[in-house]
Amino acid sequence: MTKNVKERVAGVFNEVAAAMETGQFGQKKKIGLTLLDSEHGVDELKKAAQLAENKYNDLEVDLIGCEEDKCSCLADAHSIMDQKLENEELDAAVTLHYNFPLGVSTVGRVITPGQGKEMLIATTTGTTATDRVPAMLKNTIYGIAAAKALGIEKPTVGILNVEGARLVEKNLQKLKANGYQFEFATSVRADGGSVMRGNDLLLGTPDIMVTDTLTGNMLMKVFSAFNTGGQYEAVGYGYGPGVGEDYDKLIGIISRASGAPVIAKALKFMAEVAQGNLLELTKTELKAAKKAGLNDLIAELKAKNSAVKEEKVKKPEKKVTDEEISGIDILEIEAAKESLWQQDIYAETGMGCTGPVILIAEADEAKARKKLQKAGFIE
């Protein structure tokens, strides 16, 4: 054995020995954390960052929103966070009240009370699609990608018994029959099946519980704060990473009510999915699902639900959207946006912390509100 070979072998041996001693294999993931707008104050977020770095040796936290960042509001912190992600200065980030584009939603992670089992909830914030059944079909794909990024090779899928669950089950069965590989979970109730009951929620029967986003958001709050009276989220990993087709950022969501234990675990969650390459896995899962006919199934569902053909509306010239108009139902958000486009008012859709929002330029806000009120979208 030559001297160079001996030196390389010794180097590898030393790296492995160091990793075994510290528990850290590979490079630390750098996770951003915005510090503004928590109901528990900046100190709670800083406490969470310290807790995460002390507890998990595979990550380091970059605090965004300190005095040196010159942030006057959360929007400023989001701009800095987005820029750092684009520049690859961060591997991922954790924030709150972030407006994902339509088509992107978050996969949450809870600890169920029945047996202390972890379970993913797909999805918990954002908007996968404006129709429930197509949204839940895509939520299934997003949940599978997130589970695999966490190292679960063959995650089981359960469908929460909400409106549309049977139709979701039927179309997932078609997808599986056409070659998309995944496993259904079986309910603990006597009649079994892949449609999950409340008992399955408490026990964490599936690895992934598929539901609509607003129901998922409510479940996250219940699982996180059921033992604290509701004002302090103490259990779980937060609302999870935003997942969507062609989405290229790893941004995880917490709530304004999230406490330090949850935020610390949210930072860990994002480090894990960064390490597990969630963005690439999402592309892989969507490609496989489309090969099995996902787009055709969604098109069939939309055709059945469309009583009339949608009128094509010309999109106005793009503007900076720095104001929000809330109070519009998720099933009407696209129609509300297009009603403004018809009036030559530029608008976008997004998801705030309490539901869907219309994003509008500040100069157009008053006029847009009047138009939406006249059309019956808001009061």
Protein backbone atom coordinates (compact mmCIF):
# COMPACT_ATOMS: atom_id res chain seq x y z
CA MET A 1 0.00 0.00 0.00
CA THR A 2 1.49 3.34 -1.05
CA LYS A 3 1.90 6.27 1.30
CA ASN A 4 -0.89 8.28 -0.42
CA VAL A 5 -3.33 5.40 -0.18
CA LYS A 6 -2.47 4.89 3.50
CA GLU A 7 -3.07 8.58 4.17
CA ARG A 8 -6.45 8.50 2.42
CA VAL A 9 -7.52 5.38 4.32
CA ALA A 10 -6.41 6.96 7.59
CA GLY A 11 -8.34 10.13 6.74
CA VAL A 12 -11.53 8.19 6.05
CA PHE A 13 -11.06 6.19 9.25
CA ASN A 14 -10.65 9.40 11.27
CA GLU A 15 -13.78 10.94 9.70
CA VAL A 16 -15.84 7.84 10.50
CA ALA A 17 -14.49 7.70 14.04
CA ALA A 18 -15.32 11.38 14.57
CA ALA A 19 -18.81 10.88 13.17
CA MET A 20 -19.43 7.90 15.45
CA GLU A 21 -18.31 9.94 18.44
CA THR A 22 -20.42 13.00 17.66
CA GLY A 23 -23.34 11.32 15.94
CA GLN A 24 -22.95 13.64 12.96
CA PHE A 25 -22.47 12.10 9.52
CA GLY A 26 -22.00 14.55 6.65
CA GLN A 27 -22.12 18.32 6.54
CA LYS A 28 -24.48 20.24 8.78
CA LYS A 29 -27.58 21.66 7.13
CA LYS A 30 -28.01 25.41 7.50
CA ILE A 31 -31.63 26.28 8.27
CA GLY A 32 -32.95 29.83 8.29
CA LEU A 33 -35.46 30.96 10.93
CA THR A 34 -37.39 34.23 10.72
CA LEU A 35 -37.85 35.95 14.08
CA LEU A 36 -40.89 38.18 13.57
CA ASP A 37 -44.66 37.94 14.23
CA SER A 38 -44.76 35.06 16.73
CA GLU A 39 -47.48 35.50 19.37
CA HIS A 40 -44.87 34.40 21.92
CA GLY A 41 -42.25 36.98 20.96
CA VAL A 42 -38.75 36.98 19.50
CA ASP A 43 -37.21 35.36 22.58
CA GLU A 44 -39.32 32.21 22.07
CA LEU A 45 -37.96 31.84 18.54
CA LYS A 46 -34.38 32.42 19.68
CA LYS A 47 -34.95 29.84 22.42
CA ALA A 48 -36.11 27.38 19.78
CA ALA A 49 -33.00 27.97 17.68
CA GLN A 50 -30.75 27.36 20.68
CA LEU A 51 -32.73 24.25 21.62
CA ALA A 52 -32.39 22.86 18.09
CA GLU A 53 -28.64 23.45 17.90
CA ASN A 54 -28.10 21.92 21.34
CA LYS A 55 -30.26 18.88 20.63
CA TYR A 56 -29.50 18.17 16.96
CA ASN A 57 -25.89 18.14 15.77
CA ASP A 58 -26.77 17.88 12.07
CA LEU A 59 -27.97 21.47 11.69
CA GLU A 60 -27.15 25.10 12.40
CA VAL A 61 -29.65 27.93 12.52
CA ASP A 62 -29.41 31.28 10.75
CA LEU A 63 -31.62 33.85 12.52
CA ILE A 64 -33.33 36.24 10.09
CA GLY A 65 -34.89 39.43 11.41
CA CYS A 66 -32.19 40.57 13.81
CA GLU A 67 -31.23 44.24 14.00
CA GLU A 68 -28.38 43.74 11.53
CA ASP A 69 -30.90 42.53 8.93
CA LYS A 70 -32.80 45.85 9.19
CA CYS A 71 -36.18 44.10 9.08
CA SER A 72 -39.19 46.26 9.91
CA CYS A 73 -41.76 43.54 9.21
CA LEU A 74 -42.12 39.86 8.35
CA ALA A 75 -42.30 40.66 4.62
CA ASP A 76 -38.76 42.08 4.84
CA ALA A 77 -37.58 38.91 6.60
CA HIS A 78 -39.23 36.79 3.89
CA SER A 79 -37.39 38.75 1.19
CA ILE A 80 -34.05 38.11 2.92
CA MET A 81 -34.94 34.45 3.47
CA ASP A 82 -35.96 33.95 -0.18
CA GLN A 83 -32.76 35.60 -1.40
CA LYS A 84 -30.58 33.41 0.84
CA LEU A 85 -32.36 30.29 -0.42
CA GLU A 86 -31.90 31.37 -4.04
CA ASN A 87 -28.21 32.07 -3.39
CA GLU A 88 -27.87 28.64 -1.72
CA GLU A 89 -26.72 30.28 1.52
CA LEU A 90 -29.39 28.18 3.25
CA ASP A 91 -30.39 24.55 2.74
CA ALA A 92 -33.91 25.26 3.99
CA ALA A 93 -35.86 27.71 6.13
CA VAL A 94 -38.62 27.87 8.73
CA THR A 95 -41.06 30.75 8.90
CA LEU A 96 -44.72 31.63 9.46
CA HIS A 97 -47.50 33.36 7.49
CA TYR A 98 -45.80 32.65 4.15
CA ASN A 99 -47.81 32.90 0.92
CA PHE A 100 -47.04 29.86 -1.24
CA PRO A 101 -48.12 29.98 -4.89
CA LEU A 102 -51.22 28.06 -5.92
CA GLY A 103 -50.29 24.39 -6.33
CA VAL A 104 -47.97 24.29 -3.33
CA SER A 105 -49.04 23.03 0.10
CA THR A 106 -47.30 21.81 3.24
CA VAL A 107 -46.96 18.31 4.66
CA GLY A 108 -47.21 18.44 8.46
CA ARG A 109 -45.79 16.02 10.98
CA VAL A 110 -47.45 15.20 14.30
CA ILE A 111 -47.00 12.88 17.26
CA THR A 112 -50.28 11.05 17.78
CA PRO A 113 -51.50 10.65 21.36
CA GLY A 114 -52.74 7.05 21.18
CA GLN A 115 -49.33 5.36 21.02
CA GLY A 116 -46.90 8.25 20.54
CA LYS A 117 -46.50 7.42 16.84
CA GLU A 118 -45.36 9.99 14.28
CA MET A 119 -47.69 10.63 11.36
CA LEU A 120 -47.59 12.96 8.35
CA ILE A 121 -50.67 15.01 7.48
CA ALA A 122 -50.98 15.86 3.79
CA THR A 123 -51.59 18.73 3.65
CA THR A 124 -51.77 21.52 6.27
CA THR A 125 -51.31 24.98 4.70
CA GLY A 126 -51.28 26.35 1.15
CA THR A 127 -53.50 25.33 -1.76
CA THR A 128 -52.77 22.25 -3.86
CA ALA A 129 -55.78 22.83 -6.11
CA THR A 130 -59.12 24.61 -5.85
CA ASP A 131 -61.15 21.39 -6.21
CA ARG A 132 -61.05 19.09 -3.21
CA VAL A 133 -60.68 15.66 -4.84
CA PRO A 134 -57.90 16.62 -7.32
CA ALA A 135 -56.20 18.44 -4.44
CA MET A 136 -56.30 15.36 -2.22
CA LEU A 137 -54.94 13.19 -5.04
CA LYS A 138 -51.94 15.49 -5.33
CA ASN A 139 -51.70 15.74 -1.53
CA THR A 140 -51.16 11.98 -1.55
CA ILE A 141 -48.18 12.34 -3.91
CA TYR A 142 -46.75 15.19 -1.82
CA GLY A 143 -47.13 13.14 1.37
CA ILE A 144 -45.39 10.13 -0.18
CA ALA A 145 -42.48 12.31 -1.33
CA ALA A 146 -42.11 13.81 2.16
CA ALA A 147 -42.25 10.39 3.82
CA LYS A 148 -39.57 9.02 1.51
CA ALA A 149 -37.40 12.08 2.19
CA LEU A 150 -37.61 11.10 5.87
CA GLY A 151 -36.36 7.61 5.03
CA ILE A 152 -39.69 5.74 5.02
CA GLU A 153 -39.20 3.52 1.98
CA LYS A 154 -42.76 2.17 1.70
CA PRO A 155 -45.06 4.64 3.47
CA THR A 156 -48.68 3.66 4.02
CA VAL A 157 -51.46 6.00 2.91
CA GLY A 158 -54.77 6.55 4.67
CA ILE A 159 -57.57 8.87 3.50
CA LEU A 160 -59.35 10.85 6.20
CA ASN A 161 -63.12 10.37 6.09
CA VAL A 162 -64.00 13.85 4.88
CA GLU A 163 -66.26 14.84 2.00
CA GLY A 164 -64.86 13.32 -1.21
CA ALA A 165 -62.81 10.63 0.55
CA ARG A 166 -64.44 7.75 -1.33
CA LEU A 167 -63.85 9.45 -4.66
CA VAL A 168 -60.22 10.02 -3.70
CA GLU A 169 -59.91 6.35 -2.73
CA LYS A 170 -61.44 5.23 -6.04
CA ASN A 171 -59.04 7.34 -8.10
CA LEU A 172 -56.01 6.34 -6.03
CA GLN A 173 -56.95 2.71 -6.68
CA LYS A 174 -56.97 3.49 -10.42
CA LEU A 175 -53.60 5.18 -10.10
CA LYS A 176 -52.18 2.15 -8.32
CA ALA A 177 -53.68 -0.25 -10.86
CA ASN A 178 -51.99 1.79 -13.59
CA GLY A 179 -48.58 1.27 -12.03
CA TYR A 180 -48.03 3.97 -9.40
CA GLN A 181 -46.50 2.11 -6.47
CA PHE A 182 -47.68 2.86 -2.92
CA GLU A 183 -49.36 1.04 -0.06
CA PHE A 184 -52.79 1.72 1.45
CA ALA A 185 -53.11 1.65 5.23
CA THR A 186 -55.93 -0.35 6.83
CA SER A 187 -58.22 1.23 9.41
CA VAL A 188 -58.15 -0.22 12.92
CA ARG A 189 -61.95 -0.32 12.89
CA ALA A 190 -63.63 -3.69 12.29
CA ASP A 191 -64.65 -2.87 8.73
CA GLY A 192 -61.07 -1.93 7.79
CA GLY A 193 -60.47 -0.17 4.49
CA SER A 194 -58.20 2.70 3.56
CA VAL A 195 -60.67 5.43 4.59
CA MET A 196 -59.57 6.46 8.07
CA ARG A 197 -61.76 7.22 11.10
CA GLY A 198 -61.10 9.40 14.13
CA ASN A 199 -59.64 6.38 15.92
CA ASP A 200 -56.98 6.12 13.22
CA LEU A 201 -56.07 9.78 13.70
CA LEU A 202 -55.43 9.24 17.40
CA LEU A 203 -53.48 6.03 16.84
CA GLY A 204 -51.49 7.22 13.81
CA THR A 205 -52.62 4.22 11.77
CA PRO A 206 -51.12 5.38 8.43
CA ASP A 207 -47.72 6.91 7.85
CA ILE A 208 -49.53 9.57 5.78
CA MET A 209 -53.02 10.86 6.53
CA VAL A 210 -54.44 12.47 3.37
CA THR A 211 -57.01 15.24 3.75
CA ASP A 212 -57.96 18.64 2.41
CA THR A 213 -55.69 21.46 3.52
CA LEU A 214 -58.09 23.37 5.78
CA THR A 215 -58.99 20.19 7.67
CA GLY A 216 -55.30 19.36 7.89
CA ASN A 217 -54.58 22.80 9.30
CA MET A 218 -57.19 22.30 12.02
CA LEU A 219 -55.78 18.86 12.87
CA MET A 220 -52.29 20.30 13.24
CA LYS A 221 -53.55 22.82 15.79
CA VAL A 222 -55.40 20.14 17.76
CA PHE A 223 -52.46 17.71 17.80
CA SER A 224 -49.98 20.46 18.69
CA ALA A 225 -51.89 22.23 21.45
CA PHE A 226 -54.53 19.85 22.83
CA ASN A 227 -52.76 19.63 26.20
CA THR A 228 -51.94 23.35 26.62
CA GLY A 229 -55.34 24.95 26.25
CA GLY A 230 -54.78 25.95 22.63
CA GLN A 231 -52.63 29.08 22.89
CA TYR A 232 -49.24 27.35 22.89
CA GLU A 233 -48.32 24.62 20.41
CA ALA A 234 -46.03 22.29 22.34
CA VAL A 235 -46.01 18.95 20.47
CA GLY A 236 -44.98 17.94 16.96
CA TYR A 237 -42.85 19.22 14.10
CA GLY A 238 -44.91 22.08 12.71
CA TYR A 239 -46.88 22.41 9.50
CA GLY A 240 -44.03 21.16 7.36
CA PRO A 241 -42.33 21.91 4.05
CA GLY A 242 -44.16 23.41 1.09
CA VAL A 243 -44.33 20.80 -1.67
CA GLY A 244 -45.44 21.35 -5.25
CA GLU A 245 -44.72 20.73 -8.89
CA ASP A 246 -41.65 22.71 -10.02
CA TYR A 247 -41.38 24.37 -6.60
CA ASP A 248 -37.68 24.85 -5.90
CA LYS A 249 -37.44 26.07 -2.29
CA LEU A 250 -37.47 24.19 0.99
CA ILE A 251 -39.59 26.39 3.26
CA GLY A 252 -41.22 24.93 6.37
CA ILE A 253 -44.13 26.53 8.20
CA ILE A 254 -44.84 27.11 11.87
CA SER A 255 -47.77 28.91 13.46
CA ARG A 256 -47.83 32.17 15.37
CA ALA A 257 -48.86 29.98 18.31
CA SER A 258 -45.96 27.52 17.92
CA GLY A 259 -43.76 27.23 21.00
CA ALA A 260 -40.02 26.58 21.20
CA PRO A 261 -40.31 22.74 21.35
CA VAL A 262 -42.34 22.64 18.10
CA ILE A 263 -40.15 25.21 16.34
CA ALA A 264 -36.99 23.29 17.27
CA LYS A 265 -38.50 20.12 15.81
CA ALA A 266 -39.61 22.07 12.72
CA LEU A 267 -35.97 23.08 12.18
CA LYS A 268 -34.99 19.41 12.52
CA PHE A 269 -37.78 18.38 10.11
CA MET A 270 -36.45 20.78 7.46
CA ALA A 271 -32.87 19.56 7.96
CA GLU A 272 -34.08 15.99 7.44
CA VAL A 273 -36.01 16.67 4.22
CA ALA A 274 -33.08 18.72 2.92
CA GLN A 275 -30.80 15.76 3.61
CA GLY A 276 -33.38 13.42 2.06
CA ASN A 277 -33.59 15.57 -1.09
CA LEU A 278 -37.33 16.26 -0.96
CA LEU A 279 -37.31 18.51 -4.03
CA GLU A 280 -35.95 15.74 -6.29
CA LEU A 281 -38.17 13.10 -4.72
CA THR A 282 -41.22 15.26 -5.43
CA LYS A 283 -40.27 15.40 -9.10
CA THR A 284 -39.75 11.63 -9.16
CA GLU A 285 -43.08 10.85 -7.49
CA LEU A 286 -45.03 13.25 -9.70
CA LYS A 287 -43.40 11.81 -12.82
CA ALA A 288 -44.37 8.28 -11.77
CA ALA A 289 -47.92 9.34 -10.89
CA LYS A 290 -48.36 11.15 -14.22
CA LYS A 291 -47.09 8.09 -16.06
CA ALA A 292 -49.85 6.16 -14.29
CA GLY A 293 -52.47 8.65 -15.51
CA LEU A 294 -52.72 11.27 -12.74
CA ASN A 295 -53.40 14.15 -15.13
CA ASP A 296 -56.05 12.16 -17.00
CA LEU A 297 -57.84 11.30 -13.77
CA ILE A 298 -57.84 14.95 -12.69
CA ALA A 299 -59.09 16.04 -16.11
CA GLU A 300 -61.96 13.55 -15.88
CA LEU A 301 -62.90 14.85 -12.44
CA LYS A 302 -62.87 18.45 -13.62
CA ALA A 303 -64.94 17.60 -16.69
CA LYS A 304 -67.61 15.99 -14.51
CA ASN A 305 -67.69 18.96 -12.13
CA SER A 306 -67.85 21.64 -14.83
CA ALA A 307 -71.43 22.47 -15.71
CA VAL A 308 -70.33 25.20 -18.13
CA LYS A 309 -67.12 25.96 -19.95
CA GLU A 310 -64.95 28.54 -18.23
CA GLU A 311 -64.61 31.80 -20.07
CA LYS A 312 -60.99 32.57 -20.86
CA VAL A 313 -59.96 35.78 -19.13
CA LYS A 314 -57.02 37.90 -20.22
CA LYS A 315 -54.42 38.36 -17.49
CA PRO A 316 -53.63 42.04 -16.79
CA GLU A 317 -50.09 43.39 -16.67
CA LYS A 318 -48.26 42.06 -13.62
CA LYS A 319 -47.87 44.32 -10.56
CA VAL A 320 -46.20 43.96 -7.17
CA THR A 321 -48.84 42.49 -4.83
CA ASP A 322 -48.22 43.88 -1.36
CA GLU A 323 -51.73 43.76 0.16
CA GLU A 324 -54.11 40.90 1.01
CA ILE A 325 -57.89 40.54 0.81
CA SER A 326 -59.18 37.64 2.89
CA GLY A 327 -62.59 36.12 3.55
CA ILE A 328 -63.05 34.29 0.23
CA ASP A 329 -63.86 30.57 0.17
CA ILE A 330 -61.16 28.33 -1.26
CA LEU A 331 -63.56 26.96 -3.88
CA GLU A 332 -64.18 30.49 -5.16
CA ILE A 333 -60.68 31.97 -4.93
CA GLU A 334 -59.84 31.45 -8.61
CA ALA A 335 -63.20 32.85 -9.74
CA ALA A 336 -62.65 35.88 -7.50
CA LYS A 337 -59.22 36.48 -9.00
CA GLU A 338 -60.55 36.21 -12.56
CA SER A 339 -63.43 38.56 -11.77
CA LEU A 340 -60.79 41.20 -10.97
CA TRP A 341 -58.85 40.34 -14.14
CA GLN A 342 -62.04 41.05 -16.10
CA GLN A 343 -61.93 44.55 -14.62
CA ASP A 344 -58.24 44.89 -15.63
CA ILE A 345 -57.13 44.66 -11.99
CA TYR A 346 -54.06 42.47 -11.51
CA ALA A 347 -54.44 39.93 -8.69
CA GLU A 348 -52.87 36.70 -7.51
CA THR A 349 -54.03 33.96 -5.15
CA GLY A 350 -52.25 32.82 -2.02
CA MET A 351 -52.83 31.24 1.36
CA GLY A 352 -52.64 33.23 4.59
CA CYS A 353 -52.56 31.76 8.07
CA THR A 354 -56.38 31.74 8.32
CA GLY A 355 -57.27 30.74 4.77
CA PRO A 356 -57.05 31.78 1.10
CA VAL A 357 -56.32 35.37 0.16
CA ILE A 358 -56.33 37.58 -2.91
CA LEU A 359 -52.98 39.32 -3.31
CA ILE A 360 -53.36 42.81 -4.74
CA ALA A 361 -51.32 45.97 -5.33
CA GLU A 362 -51.78 48.54 -2.57
CA ALA A 363 -53.04 51.15 -5.06
CA ASP A 364 -55.77 48.76 -6.28
CA GLU A 365 -56.94 47.44 -2.91
CA ALA A 366 -59.95 49.73 -2.33
CA LYS A 367 -61.24 49.32 -5.87
CA ALA A 368 -60.71 45.54 -5.75
CA ARG A 369 -62.64 45.23 -2.48
CA LYS A 370 -65.61 47.06 -3.98
CA LYS A 371 -65.57 44.80 -7.04
CA LEU A 372 -65.37 41.65 -4.92
CA GLN A 373 -68.17 42.87 -2.67
CA LYS A 374 -70.37 43.65 -5.66
CA ALA A 375 -69.70 40.18 -7.08
CA GLY A 376 -70.59 38.57 -3.75
CA PHE A 377 -67.17 37.10 -2.95
CA ILE A 378 -66.75 39.14 0.26
CA GLU A 379 -69.12 41.01 2.53
